[in-house]
Amino acid sequence: MPTQKKAATSKNAGAAALDFLSTLSAPARRALEGKGITTLKQLAKFSEPELLQLHGLGQSSIPKLKTMLAAKGLAFKTNNIAAKQSKPSASDSVDTFMKNLSHPLKNVAEALRQIILSADKTVGEEIAWNAPSFFYTGQMKPFNPKEYKRFIVGFNFFKKDCIRLIFLTGAKLKDNSGLLEGNYADGRRLALFYTMEEVKSREKILRQLVKKWLLLLDK
């Protein structure tokens, strides 16, 4: 009967969705369900960068999803020309943070902030990792946000006797000035400032490093 056939079709579709989602980790499954993606056909309407924006779905899930799509003759959505994206600065939130900051070297931090922002008009700021962080605001090809490609440098206020600037990918700058310290395997480098005199004497070097980082950025 037509009614029974329709019910059977609906049941089969539900089972297919369950099979597809059951192969994924719980966070990835919740991420897709939250976006309304319960079938491979629905999945194929999204690009990899769009999926990686979903909280809970990481890079490790992509190969498995590609395989499942290919088995059904499907693939992720692709664009002939990937639309470049920009990111706006959030200075208001940084202004509020700095106003409420309780640190012995608050004036040093504010001076460093102004130097970094003045290095180039494409440098923006926001609060990330619980402190002001600076990034490239201009047009960039889509990428996994977890790669933090835009991130230039950020503050760390853990120590009270100095202000620490963390260049997440500082190793690529190959700094010979002595400003950047550390030899971290992940590429981080630190710049430490203890006094306003140090800020003034190293202002030019800091600005040059920010400019160099921008030149090296793969946009």
N, C-alpha and C. Protein backbone atom coordinates (compact mmCIF):
# COMPACT_ATOMS: atom_id res chain seq x y z
N MET A 1 0.84 -1.21 0.00
CA MET A 1 0.00 0.00 0.00
C MET A 1 0.88 1.26 0.00
N PRO A 2 0.41 2.39 -0.60
CA PRO A 2 1.19 3.61 -0.69
C PRO A 2 1.66 4.12 0.66
N THR A 3 0.76 4.07 1.66
CA THR A 3 1.11 4.57 2.99
C THR A 3 2.26 3.77 3.58
N GLN A 4 2.19 2.43 3.44
CA GLN A 4 3.25 1.57 3.98
C GLN A 4 4.56 1.82 3.26
N LYS A 5 4.51 2.05 1.92
CA LYS A 5 5.73 2.30 1.15
C LYS A 5 6.38 3.60 1.58
N LYS A 6 5.55 4.65 1.81
CA LYS A 6 6.07 5.93 2.25
C LYS A 6 6.73 5.82 3.61
N ALA A 7 6.10 5.06 4.50
CA ALA A 7 6.65 4.87 5.85
C ALA A 7 7.98 4.14 5.78
N ALA A 8 8.05 3.14 4.89
CA ALA A 8 9.28 2.37 4.75
C ALA A 8 10.41 3.25 4.21
N THR A 9 10.07 4.11 3.23
CA THR A 9 11.07 5.02 2.66
C THR A 9 11.60 5.97 3.71
N SER A 10 10.71 6.50 4.53
CA SER A 10 11.10 7.42 5.59
C SER A 10 12.00 6.73 6.61
N LYS A 11 11.67 5.47 6.90
CA LYS A 11 12.45 4.70 7.86
C LYS A 11 13.85 4.43 7.33
N ASN A 12 13.93 4.12 6.03
CA ASN A 12 15.23 3.86 5.42
C ASN A 12 16.10 5.12 5.41
N ALA A 13 15.48 6.26 5.14
CA ALA A 13 16.21 7.52 5.13
C ALA A 13 16.76 7.84 6.51
N GLY A 14 15.93 7.56 7.53
CA GLY A 14 16.37 7.79 8.90
C GLY A 14 17.54 6.90 9.27
N ALA A 15 17.48 5.65 8.81
CA ALA A 15 18.54 4.70 9.11
C ALA A 15 19.84 5.11 8.43
N ALA A 16 19.73 5.63 7.18
CA ALA A 16 20.91 6.07 6.45
C ALA A 16 21.59 7.24 7.15
N ALA A 17 20.77 8.17 7.66
CA ALA A 17 21.31 9.32 8.39
C ALA A 17 22.01 8.85 9.66
N LEU A 18 21.40 7.91 10.33
CA LEU A 18 21.97 7.37 11.57
C LEU A 18 23.31 6.70 11.29
N ASP A 19 23.38 5.91 10.20
CA ASP A 19 24.62 5.22 9.84
C ASP A 19 25.72 6.24 9.54
N PHE A 20 25.39 7.28 8.83
CA PHE A 20 26.34 8.33 8.46
C PHE A 20 26.89 9.03 9.69
N LEU A 21 26.02 9.43 10.58
CA LEU A 21 26.44 10.18 11.76
C LEU A 21 27.11 9.31 12.82
N SER A 22 26.71 8.04 12.87
CA SER A 22 27.24 7.16 13.92
C SER A 22 28.72 6.86 13.76
N THR A 23 29.26 7.12 12.58
CA THR A 23 30.70 6.86 12.36
C THR A 23 31.57 8.01 12.87
N LEU A 24 30.95 9.10 13.29
CA LEU A 24 31.70 10.28 13.71
C LEU A 24 31.81 10.36 15.23
N SER A 25 32.75 11.18 15.70
CA SER A 25 32.87 11.41 17.13
C SER A 25 31.66 12.19 17.61
N ALA A 26 31.40 12.13 18.89
CA ALA A 26 30.23 12.82 19.45
C ALA A 26 30.25 14.33 19.18
N PRO A 27 31.40 15.02 19.37
CA PRO A 27 31.42 16.46 19.09
C PRO A 27 31.15 16.78 17.62
N ALA A 28 31.73 15.96 16.71
CA ALA A 28 31.52 16.19 15.27
C ALA A 28 30.07 15.94 14.90
N ARG A 29 29.49 14.89 15.46
CA ARG A 29 28.09 14.56 15.19
C ARG A 29 27.17 15.69 15.64
N ARG A 30 27.42 16.20 16.85
CA ARG A 30 26.60 17.30 17.36
C ARG A 30 26.76 18.56 16.51
N ALA A 31 27.98 18.79 16.02
CA ALA A 31 28.23 19.97 15.19
C ALA A 31 27.41 19.92 13.90
N LEU A 32 27.38 18.75 13.27
CA LEU A 32 26.62 18.60 12.03
C LEU A 32 25.12 18.66 12.28
N GLU A 33 24.68 17.96 13.30
CA GLU A 33 23.24 17.98 13.62
C GLU A 33 22.78 19.38 13.96
N GLY A 34 23.63 20.15 14.66
CA GLY A 34 23.28 21.51 15.01
C GLY A 34 23.13 22.41 13.80
N LYS A 35 23.79 22.03 12.70
CA LYS A 35 23.71 22.78 11.45
C LYS A 35 22.62 22.21 10.55
N GLY A 36 21.95 21.17 11.02
CA GLY A 36 20.89 20.56 10.22
C GLY A 36 21.39 19.60 9.17
N ILE A 37 22.62 19.12 9.33
CA ILE A 37 23.21 18.19 8.36
C ILE A 37 23.07 16.77 8.89
N THR A 38 22.15 16.01 8.30
CA THR A 38 21.93 14.63 8.75
C THR A 38 22.05 13.62 7.61
N THR A 39 22.31 14.12 6.40
CA THR A 39 22.48 13.21 5.26
C THR A 39 23.72 13.63 4.47
N LEU A 40 24.24 12.71 3.68
CA LEU A 40 25.42 13.02 2.87
C LEU A 40 25.09 14.07 1.80
N LYS A 41 23.87 14.04 1.28
CA LYS A 41 23.49 15.04 0.29
C LYS A 41 23.51 16.44 0.89
N GLN A 42 23.08 16.55 2.12
CA GLN A 42 23.13 17.84 2.80
C GLN A 42 24.58 18.24 3.07
N LEU A 43 25.40 17.26 3.44
CA LEU A 43 26.81 17.52 3.71
C LEU A 43 27.51 18.08 2.47
N ALA A 44 27.15 17.55 1.30
CA ALA A 44 27.79 17.96 0.05
C ALA A 44 27.50 19.41 -0.33
N LYS A 45 26.59 20.05 0.36
CA LYS A 45 26.27 21.44 0.07
C LYS A 45 27.21 22.41 0.77
N PHE A 46 28.14 21.85 1.57
CA PHE A 46 29.07 22.68 2.33
C PHE A 46 30.50 22.46 1.87
N SER A 47 31.32 23.50 1.98
CA SER A 47 32.74 23.39 1.65
C SER A 47 33.52 23.01 2.92
N GLU A 48 34.75 22.58 2.74
CA GLU A 48 35.58 22.22 3.89
C GLU A 48 35.76 23.40 4.85
N PRO A 49 36.12 24.60 4.36
CA PRO A 49 36.27 25.73 5.28
C PRO A 49 35.00 26.03 6.07
N GLU A 50 33.85 25.88 5.42
CA GLU A 50 32.58 26.14 6.12
C GLU A 50 32.36 25.13 7.23
N LEU A 51 32.69 23.87 6.98
CA LEU A 51 32.50 22.83 8.00
C LEU A 51 33.47 23.02 9.16
N LEU A 52 34.69 23.45 8.85
CA LEU A 52 35.69 23.63 9.90
C LEU A 52 35.37 24.80 10.80
N GLN A 53 34.43 25.64 10.38
CA GLN A 53 33.98 26.74 11.23
C GLN A 53 33.07 26.24 12.35
N LEU A 54 32.53 25.03 12.19
CA LEU A 54 31.59 24.49 13.18
C LEU A 54 32.33 24.03 14.42
N HIS A 55 31.87 24.48 15.56
CA HIS A 55 32.48 24.09 16.83
C HIS A 55 32.29 22.59 17.07
N GLY A 56 33.41 21.89 17.27
CA GLY A 56 33.34 20.46 17.53
C GLY A 56 33.77 19.60 16.37
N LEU A 57 33.85 20.20 15.18
CA LEU A 57 34.27 19.45 14.00
C LEU A 57 35.67 19.90 13.60
N GLY A 58 36.65 18.99 13.77
CA GLY A 58 38.03 19.34 13.49
C GLY A 58 38.55 18.77 12.18
N GLN A 59 39.79 19.09 11.89
CA GLN A 59 40.43 18.65 10.66
C GLN A 59 40.46 17.13 10.54
N SER A 60 40.54 16.42 11.66
CA SER A 60 40.64 14.96 11.63
C SER A 60 39.38 14.29 11.09
N SER A 61 38.25 15.01 11.10
CA SER A 61 36.99 14.43 10.60
C SER A 61 36.86 14.54 9.09
N ILE A 62 37.61 15.45 8.47
CA ILE A 62 37.46 15.72 7.05
C ILE A 62 37.75 14.50 6.16
N PRO A 63 38.87 13.77 6.36
CA PRO A 63 39.14 12.61 5.50
C PRO A 63 38.03 11.57 5.54
N LYS A 64 37.48 11.32 6.71
CA LYS A 64 36.40 10.33 6.84
C LYS A 64 35.15 10.81 6.09
N LEU A 65 34.84 12.08 6.22
CA LEU A 65 33.68 12.62 5.52
C LEU A 65 33.88 12.58 4.00
N LYS A 66 35.10 12.87 3.55
CA LYS A 66 35.40 12.80 2.11
C LYS A 66 35.17 11.39 1.57
N THR A 67 35.63 10.41 2.34
CA THR A 67 35.49 9.01 1.91
C THR A 67 34.03 8.61 1.80
N MET A 68 33.24 9.00 2.78
CA MET A 68 31.82 8.66 2.76
C MET A 68 31.10 9.35 1.60
N LEU A 69 31.47 10.59 1.32
CA LEU A 69 30.88 11.31 0.20
C LEU A 69 31.25 10.64 -1.13
N ALA A 70 32.53 10.30 -1.27
CA ALA A 70 33.01 9.68 -2.51
C ALA A 70 32.31 8.35 -2.78
N ALA A 71 32.00 7.61 -1.72
CA ALA A 71 31.33 6.32 -1.86
C ALA A 71 29.94 6.47 -2.46
N LYS A 72 29.38 7.66 -2.32
CA LYS A 72 28.05 7.93 -2.88
C LYS A 72 28.14 8.83 -4.12
N GLY A 73 29.36 9.00 -4.64
CA GLY A 73 29.52 9.83 -5.82
C GLY A 73 29.35 11.31 -5.53
N LEU A 74 29.62 11.72 -4.31
CA LEU A 74 29.45 13.11 -3.90
C LEU A 74 30.80 13.70 -3.48
N ALA A 75 30.81 15.00 -3.24
CA ALA A 75 32.03 15.68 -2.78
C ALA A 75 31.64 16.98 -2.10
N PHE A 76 32.57 17.55 -1.36
CA PHE A 76 32.31 18.83 -0.72
C PHE A 76 32.08 19.91 -1.78
N LYS A 77 31.34 20.92 -1.42
CA LYS A 77 31.13 22.06 -2.32
C LYS A 77 32.45 22.77 -2.54
N THR A 78 32.70 23.17 -3.76
CA THR A 78 33.91 23.92 -4.09
C THR A 78 33.53 25.17 -4.85
N ASN A 79 34.38 26.18 -4.72
CA ASN A 79 34.19 27.41 -5.47
C ASN A 79 35.34 27.55 -6.45
N ASN A 80 35.05 27.97 -7.65
CA ASN A 80 36.11 28.17 -8.63
C ASN A 80 37.12 29.19 -8.14
N ILE A 81 36.61 30.24 -7.50
CA ILE A 81 37.47 31.25 -6.90
C ILE A 81 37.07 31.38 -5.44
N ALA A 82 37.96 30.98 -4.56
CA ALA A 82 37.66 31.06 -3.13
C ALA A 82 37.56 32.54 -2.73
N ALA A 83 36.43 32.89 -2.16
CA ALA A 83 36.21 34.27 -1.76
C ALA A 83 37.11 34.63 -0.58
N LYS A 84 37.90 35.68 -0.75
CA LYS A 84 38.75 36.12 0.33
C LYS A 84 37.91 36.85 1.38
N GLN A 85 38.36 36.76 2.62
CA GLN A 85 37.60 37.34 3.71
C GLN A 85 38.49 38.26 4.53
N SER A 86 37.89 39.30 5.09
CA SER A 86 38.60 40.21 5.98
C SER A 86 38.05 40.02 7.39
N LYS A 87 38.71 40.64 8.36
CA LYS A 87 38.27 40.54 9.74
C LYS A 87 38.34 41.92 10.39
N PRO A 88 37.24 42.42 10.92
CA PRO A 88 37.25 43.77 11.50
C PRO A 88 37.95 43.80 12.86
N SER A 89 38.53 44.95 13.14
CA SER A 89 39.17 45.16 14.44
C SER A 89 38.09 45.36 15.50
N ALA A 90 38.44 45.05 16.74
CA ALA A 90 37.49 45.19 17.85
C ALA A 90 38.12 46.06 18.94
N SER A 91 38.47 47.29 18.56
CA SER A 91 39.19 48.19 19.47
C SER A 91 38.38 48.56 20.71
N ASP A 92 37.06 48.61 20.57
CA ASP A 92 36.23 48.99 21.73
C ASP A 92 36.43 48.00 22.88
N SER A 93 36.47 46.72 22.56
CA SER A 93 36.64 45.72 23.61
C SER A 93 38.03 45.82 24.23
N VAL A 94 39.02 46.18 23.42
CA VAL A 94 40.38 46.33 23.95
C VAL A 94 40.47 47.59 24.81
N ASP A 95 39.80 48.64 24.38
CA ASP A 95 39.77 49.88 25.19
C ASP A 95 39.22 49.59 26.58
N THR A 96 38.14 48.84 26.63
CA THR A 96 37.52 48.50 27.92
C THR A 96 38.46 47.64 28.76
N PHE A 97 39.09 46.68 28.11
CA PHE A 97 40.04 45.81 28.83
C PHE A 97 41.17 46.64 29.43
N MET A 98 41.76 47.50 28.64
CA MET A 98 42.89 48.30 29.11
C MET A 98 42.48 49.25 30.22
N LYS A 99 41.28 49.79 30.12
CA LYS A 99 40.79 50.69 31.15
C LYS A 99 40.67 49.99 32.50
N ASN A 100 40.27 48.72 32.46
CA ASN A 100 40.08 47.95 33.69
C ASN A 100 41.29 47.14 34.11
N LEU A 101 42.36 47.20 33.31
CA LEU A 101 43.55 46.40 33.60
C LEU A 101 44.23 46.86 34.88
N SER A 102 44.54 45.92 35.75
CA SER A 102 45.27 46.20 36.98
C SER A 102 46.63 45.53 36.87
N HIS A 103 47.63 46.31 36.51
CA HIS A 103 48.99 45.78 36.35
C HIS A 103 49.97 46.92 36.61
N PRO A 104 51.07 46.65 37.31
CA PRO A 104 52.05 47.70 37.62
C PRO A 104 52.62 48.40 36.38
N LEU A 105 52.64 47.70 35.25
CA LEU A 105 53.22 48.24 34.03
C LEU A 105 52.14 48.51 32.96
N LYS A 106 51.00 48.95 33.43
CA LYS A 106 49.88 49.23 32.52
C LYS A 106 50.28 50.26 31.46
N ASN A 107 51.05 51.28 31.86
CA ASN A 107 51.47 52.31 30.91
C ASN A 107 52.40 51.74 29.84
N VAL A 108 53.21 50.77 30.21
CA VAL A 108 54.09 50.10 29.26
C VAL A 108 53.25 49.32 28.24
N ALA A 109 52.25 48.63 28.73
CA ALA A 109 51.38 47.85 27.85
C ALA A 109 50.66 48.75 26.85
N GLU A 110 50.16 49.88 27.31
CA GLU A 110 49.44 50.80 26.42
C GLU A 110 50.38 51.38 25.36
N ALA A 111 51.61 51.68 25.76
CA ALA A 111 52.58 52.21 24.80
C ALA A 111 52.90 51.16 23.73
N LEU A 112 53.06 49.92 24.15
CA LEU A 112 53.33 48.84 23.20
C LEU A 112 52.14 48.64 22.26
N ARG A 113 50.96 48.73 22.80
CA ARG A 113 49.75 48.60 21.99
C ARG A 113 49.74 49.62 20.86
N GLN A 114 50.05 50.87 21.19
CA GLN A 114 50.01 51.93 20.18
C GLN A 114 51.11 51.73 19.12
N ILE A 115 52.27 51.23 19.52
CA ILE A 115 53.35 50.98 18.57
C ILE A 115 52.93 49.90 17.57
N ILE A 116 52.36 48.82 18.08
CA ILE A 116 51.95 47.70 17.21
C ILE A 116 50.87 48.15 16.24
N LEU A 117 49.88 48.90 16.73
CA LEU A 117 48.80 49.37 15.86
C LEU A 117 49.30 50.35 14.81
N SER A 118 50.33 51.11 15.15
CA SER A 118 50.83 52.11 14.21
C SER A 118 51.76 51.52 13.15
N ALA A 119 52.12 50.25 13.29
CA ALA A 119 53.04 49.62 12.34
C ALA A 119 52.45 49.56 10.94
N ASP A 120 51.13 49.36 10.85
CA ASP A 120 50.48 49.26 9.55
C ASP A 120 48.98 49.42 9.74
N LYS A 121 48.33 50.02 8.76
CA LYS A 121 46.89 50.26 8.87
C LYS A 121 46.07 48.97 8.83
N THR A 122 46.69 47.85 8.43
CA THR A 122 45.96 46.58 8.37
C THR A 122 46.03 45.81 9.69
N VAL A 123 46.69 46.38 10.70
CA VAL A 123 46.78 45.71 12.00
C VAL A 123 45.54 46.04 12.83
N GLY A 124 44.85 45.00 13.27
CA GLY A 124 43.67 45.18 14.11
C GLY A 124 43.91 44.56 15.48
N GLU A 125 42.92 44.68 16.34
CA GLU A 125 43.07 44.15 17.69
C GLU A 125 41.75 43.58 18.20
N GLU A 126 41.87 42.68 19.16
CA GLU A 126 40.71 42.07 19.80
C GLU A 126 41.18 41.46 21.11
N ILE A 127 40.25 40.96 21.89
CA ILE A 127 40.60 40.23 23.10
C ILE A 127 40.59 38.75 22.77
N ALA A 128 41.75 38.11 22.90
CA ALA A 128 41.88 36.67 22.66
C ALA A 128 42.84 36.11 23.70
N TRP A 129 42.56 34.91 24.17
CA TRP A 129 43.37 34.32 25.23
C TRP A 129 43.42 35.24 26.45
N ASN A 130 42.29 35.91 26.71
CA ASN A 130 42.13 36.77 27.89
C ASN A 130 43.07 37.97 27.91
N ALA A 131 43.47 38.45 26.76
CA ALA A 131 44.34 39.63 26.69
C ALA A 131 44.26 40.24 25.30
N PRO A 132 44.68 41.50 25.14
CA PRO A 132 44.69 42.11 23.81
C PRO A 132 45.61 41.34 22.87
N SER A 133 45.11 41.08 21.67
CA SER A 133 45.88 40.39 20.65
C SER A 133 45.73 41.15 19.34
N PHE A 134 46.76 41.07 18.51
CA PHE A 134 46.80 41.86 17.29
C PHE A 134 46.86 40.94 16.07
N PHE A 135 46.16 41.32 15.01
CA PHE A 135 46.03 40.45 13.85
C PHE A 135 45.92 41.25 12.56
N TYR A 136 46.08 40.55 11.45
CA TYR A 136 45.93 41.14 10.13
C TYR A 136 44.45 41.22 9.78
N THR A 137 43.97 42.39 9.43
CA THR A 137 42.54 42.58 9.17
C THR A 137 42.17 42.44 7.70
N GLY A 138 43.15 42.41 6.80
CA GLY A 138 42.87 42.45 5.37
C GLY A 138 42.32 41.16 4.80
N GLN A 139 42.18 41.14 3.47
CA GLN A 139 41.62 40.01 2.75
C GLN A 139 42.56 38.81 2.78
N MET A 140 42.00 37.63 3.10
CA MET A 140 42.77 36.39 3.11
C MET A 140 41.93 35.25 2.55
N LYS A 141 42.60 34.29 1.94
CA LYS A 141 41.92 33.10 1.47
C LYS A 141 41.36 32.34 2.68
N PRO A 142 40.23 31.63 2.52
CA PRO A 142 39.67 30.86 3.63
C PRO A 142 40.69 29.86 4.20
N PHE A 143 40.69 29.71 5.50
CA PHE A 143 41.59 28.76 6.16
C PHE A 143 40.94 28.28 7.45
N ASN A 144 41.49 27.24 8.00
CA ASN A 144 40.99 26.70 9.26
C ASN A 144 41.27 27.71 10.38
N PRO A 145 40.23 28.22 11.05
CA PRO A 145 40.43 29.21 12.11
C PRO A 145 41.37 28.75 13.21
N LYS A 146 41.47 27.44 13.39
CA LYS A 146 42.33 26.90 14.45
C LYS A 146 43.81 27.02 14.10
N GLU A 147 44.11 27.46 12.88
CA GLU A 147 45.50 27.68 12.49
C GLU A 147 45.99 29.07 12.90
N TYR A 148 45.07 29.96 13.27
CA TYR A 148 45.41 31.31 13.74
C TYR A 148 46.36 32.03 12.79
N LYS A 149 46.12 31.92 11.50
CA LYS A 149 47.02 32.52 10.51
C LYS A 149 47.07 34.04 10.60
N ARG A 150 45.98 34.66 11.03
CA ARG A 150 45.95 36.12 11.11
C ARG A 150 46.73 36.66 12.31
N PHE A 151 46.93 35.85 13.31
CA PHE A 151 47.45 36.30 14.60
C PHE A 151 48.91 36.74 14.48
N ILE A 152 49.21 37.98 14.87
CA ILE A 152 50.57 38.51 14.82
C ILE A 152 51.25 38.38 16.19
N VAL A 153 50.68 39.02 17.17
CA VAL A 153 51.28 39.06 18.50
C VAL A 153 50.21 39.36 19.54
N GLY A 154 50.44 38.94 20.77
CA GLY A 154 49.48 39.20 21.83
C GLY A 154 50.16 39.43 23.16
N PHE A 155 49.44 40.05 24.07
CA PHE A 155 49.97 40.33 25.41
C PHE A 155 49.83 39.12 26.33
N ASN A 156 50.72 39.05 27.30
CA ASN A 156 50.59 38.12 28.41
C ASN A 156 50.95 38.90 29.67
N PHE A 157 50.02 38.95 30.63
CA PHE A 157 50.21 39.75 31.84
C PHE A 157 50.50 38.91 33.08
N PHE A 158 50.94 37.67 32.87
CA PHE A 158 51.16 36.77 34.00
C PHE A 158 52.21 37.32 34.96
N LYS A 159 53.31 37.83 34.43
CA LYS A 159 54.36 38.38 35.28
C LYS A 159 54.05 39.82 35.63
N LYS A 160 54.36 40.21 36.85
CA LYS A 160 54.08 41.57 37.30
C LYS A 160 55.26 42.52 37.10
N ASP A 161 56.45 41.97 36.86
CA ASP A 161 57.62 42.82 36.71
C ASP A 161 57.95 43.16 35.26
N CYS A 162 57.15 42.60 34.33
CA CYS A 162 57.38 42.90 32.91
C CYS A 162 56.12 42.64 32.11
N ILE A 163 56.12 43.17 30.89
CA ILE A 163 55.06 42.90 29.93
C ILE A 163 55.62 41.94 28.89
N ARG A 164 54.93 40.84 28.66
CA ARG A 164 55.40 39.87 27.67
C ARG A 164 54.55 39.96 26.41
N LEU A 165 55.22 40.03 25.28
CA LEU A 165 54.56 39.95 23.99
C LEU A 165 54.87 38.59 23.40
N ILE A 166 53.82 37.89 22.97
CA ILE A 166 54.01 36.55 22.41
C ILE A 166 53.74 36.58 20.91
N PHE A 167 54.80 36.34 20.14
CA PHE A 167 54.67 36.19 18.69
C PHE A 167 54.46 34.70 18.43
N LEU A 168 53.24 34.31 18.09
CA LEU A 168 52.89 32.90 17.95
C LEU A 168 53.74 32.20 16.89
N THR A 169 54.06 32.92 15.81
CA THR A 169 54.91 32.36 14.75
C THR A 169 56.18 33.20 14.60
N GLY A 170 56.72 33.62 15.72
CA GLY A 170 57.88 34.50 15.71
C GLY A 170 59.14 33.90 15.11
N ALA A 171 59.23 32.58 15.11
CA ALA A 171 60.43 31.93 14.57
C ALA A 171 60.67 32.30 13.11
N LYS A 172 59.60 32.48 12.36
CA LYS A 172 59.75 32.77 10.93
C LYS A 172 60.34 34.15 10.67
N LEU A 173 60.35 35.00 11.70
CA LEU A 173 60.90 36.34 11.54
C LEU A 173 62.42 36.34 11.53
N LYS A 174 63.02 35.28 12.07
CA LYS A 174 64.49 35.16 12.10
C LYS A 174 65.12 36.45 12.62
N ASP A 175 64.66 36.88 13.78
CA ASP A 175 65.09 38.14 14.37
C ASP A 175 66.55 38.07 14.85
N ASN A 176 67.37 39.01 14.42
CA ASN A 176 68.76 39.09 14.84
C ASN A 176 69.03 40.28 15.76
N SER A 177 67.95 40.99 16.10
CA SER A 177 68.12 42.19 16.93
C SER A 177 68.27 41.87 18.41
N GLY A 178 67.83 40.68 18.80
CA GLY A 178 67.87 40.32 20.21
C GLY A 178 66.57 40.61 20.93
N LEU A 179 65.61 41.20 20.23
CA LEU A 179 64.33 41.52 20.87
C LEU A 179 63.53 40.25 21.18
N LEU A 180 63.49 39.32 20.23
CA LEU A 180 62.72 38.10 20.44
C LEU A 180 63.56 37.04 21.14
N GLU A 181 62.97 36.43 22.17
CA GLU A 181 63.66 35.43 22.97
C GLU A 181 62.95 34.08 22.88
N GLY A 182 63.66 33.03 23.30
CA GLY A 182 63.08 31.69 23.34
C GLY A 182 63.39 30.90 22.09
N ASN A 183 63.29 29.59 22.24
CA ASN A 183 63.54 28.70 21.11
C ASN A 183 62.50 27.58 21.15
N TYR A 184 61.25 27.98 21.23
CA TYR A 184 60.15 27.03 21.38
C TYR A 184 59.92 26.24 20.09
N ALA A 185 59.72 24.95 20.23
CA ALA A 185 59.55 24.07 19.07
C ALA A 185 58.33 24.44 18.24
N ASP A 186 57.31 25.02 18.87
CA ASP A 186 56.08 25.37 18.14
C ASP A 186 56.20 26.69 17.38
N GLY A 187 57.35 27.34 17.46
CA GLY A 187 57.56 28.57 16.70
C GLY A 187 57.34 29.85 17.46
N ARG A 188 56.90 29.77 18.70
CA ARG A 188 56.67 30.97 19.50
C ARG A 188 57.99 31.68 19.83
N ARG A 189 57.90 33.01 19.94
CA ARG A 189 59.02 33.80 20.42
C ARG A 189 58.45 34.91 21.31
N LEU A 190 59.21 35.31 22.32
CA LEU A 190 58.73 36.29 23.29
C LEU A 190 59.57 37.57 23.23
N ALA A 191 58.92 38.68 23.54
CA ALA A 191 59.61 39.95 23.71
C ALA A 191 59.22 40.48 25.09
N LEU A 192 60.20 40.77 25.92
CA LEU A 192 59.94 41.20 27.30
C LEU A 192 60.28 42.67 27.48
N PHE A 193 59.39 43.40 28.13
CA PHE A 193 59.60 44.83 28.39
C PHE A 193 59.39 45.09 29.87
N TYR A 194 60.44 45.68 30.49
CA TYR A 194 60.40 45.93 31.94
C TYR A 194 60.17 47.41 32.27
N THR A 195 60.52 48.30 31.37
CA THR A 195 60.41 49.73 31.64
C THR A 195 59.97 50.49 30.38
N MET A 196 59.55 51.74 30.58
CA MET A 196 59.18 52.59 29.46
C MET A 196 60.42 52.93 28.63
N GLU A 197 61.58 52.99 29.30
CA GLU A 197 62.83 53.27 28.59
C GLU A 197 63.11 52.18 27.56
N GLU A 198 62.83 50.93 27.93
CA GLU A 198 63.03 49.82 26.99
C GLU A 198 62.06 49.93 25.82
N VAL A 199 60.85 50.34 26.10
CA VAL A 199 59.86 50.51 25.03
C VAL A 199 60.36 51.54 24.02
N LYS A 200 60.85 52.67 24.52
CA LYS A 200 61.31 53.74 23.63
C LYS A 200 62.53 53.33 22.83
N SER A 201 63.46 52.62 23.47
CA SER A 201 64.70 52.25 22.77
C SER A 201 64.48 51.12 21.76
N ARG A 202 63.41 50.34 21.93
CA ARG A 202 63.17 49.19 21.04
C ARG A 202 61.93 49.37 20.16
N GLU A 203 61.37 50.56 20.21
CA GLU A 203 60.16 50.86 19.44
C GLU A 203 60.34 50.59 17.95
N LYS A 204 61.44 51.06 17.38
CA LYS A 204 61.68 50.90 15.95
C LYS A 204 61.78 49.43 15.57
N ILE A 205 62.47 48.64 16.38
CA ILE A 205 62.65 47.22 16.10
C ILE A 205 61.31 46.49 16.14
N LEU A 206 60.50 46.80 17.17
CA LEU A 206 59.20 46.15 17.31
C LEU A 206 58.33 46.47 16.09
N ARG A 207 58.31 47.71 15.68
CA ARG A 207 57.49 48.10 14.53
C ARG A 207 57.98 47.38 13.25
N GLN A 208 59.30 47.26 13.11
CA GLN A 208 59.86 46.57 11.94
C GLN A 208 59.49 45.10 11.92
N LEU A 209 59.47 44.47 13.10
CA LEU A 209 59.11 43.05 13.17
C LEU A 209 57.66 42.82 12.77
N VAL A 210 56.78 43.72 13.18
CA VAL A 210 55.37 43.61 12.80
C VAL A 210 55.23 43.77 11.29
N LYS A 211 55.94 44.74 10.73
CA LYS A 211 55.90 44.95 9.28
C LYS A 211 56.43 43.73 8.53
N LYS A 212 57.51 43.15 9.04
CA LYS A 212 58.10 41.97 8.40
C LYS A 212 57.13 40.80 8.44
N TRP A 213 56.46 40.64 9.57
CA TRP A 213 55.47 39.55 9.71
C TRP A 213 54.39 39.69 8.64
N LEU A 214 53.92 40.90 8.43
CA LEU A 214 52.87 41.15 7.44
C LEU A 214 53.36 40.82 6.03
N LEU A 215 54.62 41.13 5.75
CA LEU A 215 55.17 40.84 4.42
C LEU A 215 55.28 39.35 4.18
N LEU A 216 55.54 38.58 5.23
CA LEU A 216 55.70 37.14 5.11
C LEU A 216 54.37 36.38 5.09
N LEU A 217 53.30 37.07 5.46
CA LEU A 217 52.00 36.40 5.56
C LEU A 217 51.49 35.91 4.20
N ASP A 218 51.08 34.66 4.16
CA ASP A 218 50.47 34.09 2.95
C ASP A 218 49.00 34.47 2.94
N LYS A 219 48.66 35.43 2.11
CA LYS A 219 47.29 35.92 2.06
C LYS A 219 46.45 35.18 1.03
